[in-house]
Amino acid sequence: MRFADWLIRTGTTDAAFAVRAGKSRETVRRWKAGEREPDSEAMAQIFDLTDGQVTPNDWVGVGPRSATSAETSPS
């Protein structure tokens, strides 16, 4: 699942996620907008904070992003 989709789905604001992650709101906004990719440590932290719903593979485009994405992709 894309990070931006997770934030929307869970109703988590950039500011709220930033507090949980110990990052700046601007950093979270850049991740969400795709302007910046988290480093490997941050990817692992995001994985933990999203209960495994946003994986490191989601950042690099490996494998399906989520069951919903796979279901809605054209065959």
N, C-alpha and C. Protein backbone atom coordinates (compact mmCIF):
# COMPACT_ATOMS: atom_id res chain seq x y z
N MET A 1 0.85 -1.17 0.00
CA MET A 1 0.00 0.00 0.00
C MET A 1 0.90 1.23 0.00
N ARG A 2 0.51 2.21 -0.77
CA ARG A 2 1.27 3.45 -0.78
C ARG A 2 1.08 4.17 0.56
N PHE A 3 2.14 4.85 0.96
CA PHE A 3 2.11 5.57 2.24
C PHE A 3 0.98 6.60 2.26
N ALA A 4 0.82 7.35 1.17
CA ALA A 4 -0.24 8.36 1.11
C ALA A 4 -1.61 7.71 1.28
N ASP A 5 -1.80 6.55 0.66
CA ASP A 5 -3.08 5.85 0.77
C ASP A 5 -3.32 5.40 2.21
N TRP A 6 -2.27 4.93 2.88
CA TRP A 6 -2.41 4.50 4.27
C TRP A 6 -2.82 5.68 5.14
N LEU A 7 -2.17 6.83 4.95
CA LEU A 7 -2.52 8.01 5.74
C LEU A 7 -3.99 8.37 5.55
N ILE A 8 -4.44 8.37 4.31
CA ILE A 8 -5.84 8.70 4.02
C ILE A 8 -6.77 7.67 4.63
N ARG A 9 -6.48 6.41 4.39
CA ARG A 9 -7.35 5.32 4.86
C ARG A 9 -7.50 5.33 6.38
N THR A 10 -6.43 5.66 7.07
CA THR A 10 -6.47 5.63 8.53
C THR A 10 -6.82 6.99 9.14
N GLY A 11 -6.91 8.02 8.30
CA GLY A 11 -7.22 9.35 8.81
C GLY A 11 -6.08 9.95 9.61
N THR A 12 -4.85 9.51 9.32
CA THR A 12 -3.68 10.00 10.03
C THR A 12 -3.13 11.24 9.33
N THR A 13 -2.96 12.31 10.05
CA THR A 13 -2.39 13.53 9.45
C THR A 13 -0.88 13.41 9.37
N ASP A 14 -0.30 14.24 8.51
CA ASP A 14 1.16 14.29 8.41
C ASP A 14 1.76 14.59 9.78
N ALA A 15 1.17 15.56 10.47
CA ALA A 15 1.69 15.97 11.77
C ALA A 15 1.62 14.83 12.79
N ALA A 16 0.52 14.10 12.80
CA ALA A 16 0.37 13.00 13.76
C ALA A 16 1.37 11.89 13.47
N PHE A 17 1.57 11.57 12.19
CA PHE A 17 2.54 10.53 11.87
C PHE A 17 3.95 11.00 12.20
N ALA A 18 4.22 12.26 11.95
CA ALA A 18 5.54 12.82 12.26
C ALA A 18 5.87 12.67 13.74
N VAL A 19 4.90 12.92 14.59
CA VAL A 19 5.12 12.78 16.04
C VAL A 19 5.43 11.33 16.37
N ARG A 20 4.64 10.40 15.83
CA ARG A 20 4.86 8.98 16.11
C ARG A 20 6.21 8.50 15.62
N ALA A 21 6.65 9.04 14.48
CA ALA A 21 7.91 8.60 13.87
C ALA A 21 9.12 9.39 14.36
N GLY A 22 8.88 10.48 15.06
CA GLY A 22 9.98 11.31 15.51
C GLY A 22 10.64 12.06 14.36
N LYS A 23 9.84 12.39 13.36
CA LYS A 23 10.33 13.11 12.17
C LYS A 23 9.60 14.44 12.07
N SER A 24 10.04 15.28 11.15
CA SER A 24 9.33 16.55 10.96
C SER A 24 8.09 16.33 10.09
N ARG A 25 7.13 17.21 10.25
CA ARG A 25 5.92 17.15 9.43
C ARG A 25 6.29 17.31 7.96
N GLU A 26 7.27 18.14 7.67
CA GLU A 26 7.69 18.36 6.29
C GLU A 26 8.29 17.09 5.70
N THR A 27 9.04 16.35 6.47
CA THR A 27 9.59 15.08 5.97
C THR A 27 8.47 14.12 5.61
N VAL A 28 7.48 14.02 6.47
CA VAL A 28 6.33 13.14 6.20
C VAL A 28 5.58 13.62 4.97
N ARG A 29 5.40 14.92 4.83
CA ARG A 29 4.72 15.45 3.65
C ARG A 29 5.47 15.09 2.38
N ARG A 30 6.79 15.18 2.41
CA ARG A 30 7.60 14.84 1.23
C ARG A 30 7.51 13.36 0.90
N TRP A 31 7.51 12.50 1.92
CA TRP A 31 7.32 11.07 1.67
C TRP A 31 5.97 10.84 1.01
N LYS A 32 4.94 11.45 1.58
CA LYS A 32 3.58 11.27 1.08
C LYS A 32 3.45 11.74 -0.37
N ALA A 33 4.08 12.84 -0.70
CA ALA A 33 3.98 13.41 -2.04
C ALA A 33 4.91 12.71 -3.04
N GLY A 34 5.77 11.83 -2.55
CA GLY A 34 6.70 11.16 -3.44
C GLY A 34 7.89 12.03 -3.82
N GLU A 35 8.10 13.10 -3.08
CA GLU A 35 9.21 14.00 -3.35
C GLU A 35 10.51 13.49 -2.74
N ARG A 36 10.38 12.59 -1.78
CA ARG A 36 11.55 12.05 -1.07
C ARG A 36 11.24 10.62 -0.68
N GLU A 37 12.24 9.76 -0.81
CA GLU A 37 12.08 8.37 -0.39
C GLU A 37 12.75 8.21 0.97
N PRO A 38 12.09 7.55 1.90
CA PRO A 38 12.71 7.34 3.21
C PRO A 38 13.95 6.45 3.08
N ASP A 39 14.91 6.64 3.98
CA ASP A 39 16.06 5.75 4.00
C ASP A 39 15.62 4.39 4.56
N SER A 40 16.52 3.42 4.54
CA SER A 40 16.13 2.06 4.95
C SER A 40 15.66 2.00 6.40
N GLU A 41 16.28 2.78 7.27
CA GLU A 41 15.85 2.81 8.67
C GLU A 41 14.43 3.37 8.80
N ALA A 42 14.14 4.44 8.07
CA ALA A 42 12.81 5.03 8.11
C ALA A 42 11.78 4.10 7.48
N MET A 43 12.17 3.39 6.41
CA MET A 43 11.24 2.42 5.79
C MET A 43 10.85 1.34 6.80
N ALA A 44 11.82 0.86 7.55
CA ALA A 44 11.53 -0.16 8.57
C ALA A 44 10.61 0.41 9.65
N GLN A 45 10.85 1.65 10.02
CA GLN A 45 10.01 2.31 11.04
C GLN A 45 8.58 2.48 10.51
N ILE A 46 8.45 2.90 9.26
CA ILE A 46 7.13 3.07 8.65
C ILE A 46 6.41 1.72 8.60
N PHE A 47 7.13 0.67 8.25
CA PHE A 47 6.55 -0.67 8.25
C PHE A 47 5.98 -1.01 9.62
N ASP A 48 6.75 -0.74 10.67
CA ASP A 48 6.29 -1.02 12.03
C ASP A 48 5.10 -0.14 12.42
N LEU A 49 5.18 1.14 12.13
CA LEU A 49 4.12 2.07 12.54
C LEU A 49 2.82 1.88 11.77
N THR A 50 2.90 1.26 10.60
CA THR A 50 1.68 1.00 9.81
C THR A 50 1.23 -0.45 9.95
N ASP A 51 1.75 -1.13 10.95
CA ASP A 51 1.42 -2.54 11.19
C ASP A 51 1.65 -3.40 9.95
N GLY A 52 2.73 -3.09 9.23
CA GLY A 52 3.11 -3.88 8.07
C GLY A 52 2.34 -3.60 6.80
N GLN A 53 1.49 -2.59 6.82
CA GLN A 53 0.68 -2.29 5.64
C GLN A 53 1.44 -1.52 4.57
N VAL A 54 2.46 -0.76 4.96
CA VAL A 54 3.32 -0.07 4.01
C VAL A 54 4.69 -0.72 4.14
N THR A 55 5.09 -1.46 3.10
CA THR A 55 6.34 -2.22 3.14
C THR A 55 7.45 -1.48 2.40
N PRO A 56 8.69 -1.83 2.66
CA PRO A 56 9.78 -1.24 1.88
C PRO A 56 9.60 -1.46 0.37
N ASN A 57 9.03 -2.58 -0.01
CA ASN A 57 8.77 -2.83 -1.44
C ASN A 57 7.81 -1.80 -2.03
N ASP A 58 6.91 -1.28 -1.23
CA ASP A 58 5.96 -0.28 -1.73
C ASP A 58 6.68 0.98 -2.17
N TRP A 59 7.80 1.29 -1.58
CA TRP A 59 8.54 2.50 -1.94
C TRP A 59 9.28 2.32 -3.25
N VAL A 60 9.72 1.09 -3.53
CA VAL A 60 10.52 0.86 -4.72
C VAL A 60 9.75 0.20 -5.85
N GLY A 61 8.47 -0.08 -5.63
CA GLY A 61 7.62 -0.61 -6.68
C GLY A 61 7.82 -2.09 -6.97
N VAL A 62 8.24 -2.87 -5.98
CA VAL A 62 8.40 -4.30 -6.16
C VAL A 62 7.15 -5.00 -5.67
N GLY A 63 6.57 -5.84 -6.50
CA GLY A 63 5.40 -6.60 -6.11
C GLY A 63 4.15 -5.74 -6.03
N PRO A 64 3.01 -6.37 -5.76
CA PRO A 64 1.77 -5.60 -5.65
C PRO A 64 1.80 -4.69 -4.44
N ARG A 65 1.25 -3.50 -4.58
CA ARG A 65 1.26 -2.53 -3.49
C ARG A 65 0.22 -2.88 -2.43
N SER A 66 -0.87 -3.48 -2.82
CA SER A 66 -1.88 -3.92 -1.87
C SER A 66 -2.87 -4.81 -2.59
N ALA A 67 -3.69 -5.51 -1.84
CA ALA A 67 -4.71 -6.35 -2.46
C ALA A 67 -5.66 -5.49 -3.27
N THR A 68 -5.99 -4.31 -2.77
CA THR A 68 -6.89 -3.40 -3.48
C THR A 68 -6.29 -2.98 -4.81
N SER A 69 -5.01 -2.63 -4.83
CA SER A 69 -4.36 -2.22 -6.07
C SER A 69 -4.35 -3.36 -7.08
N ALA A 70 -4.06 -4.56 -6.60
CA ALA A 70 -4.01 -5.71 -7.50
C ALA A 70 -5.38 -6.01 -8.08
N GLU A 71 -6.43 -5.82 -7.28
CA GLU A 71 -7.79 -6.08 -7.75
C GLU A 71 -8.26 -5.06 -8.76
N THR A 72 -7.79 -3.83 -8.66
CA THR A 72 -8.27 -2.78 -9.54
C THR A 72 -7.39 -2.58 -10.77
N SER A 73 -6.24 -3.29 -10.83
CA SER A 73 -5.34 -3.16 -11.98
C SER A 73 -5.96 -3.87 -13.17
N PRO A 74 -5.82 -3.28 -14.37
CA PRO A 74 -6.35 -3.95 -15.56
C PRO A 74 -5.58 -5.23 -15.82
N SER A 75 -6.27 -6.24 -16.29
CA SER A 75 -5.65 -7.54 -16.56
C SER A 75 -5.09 -7.61 -17.94
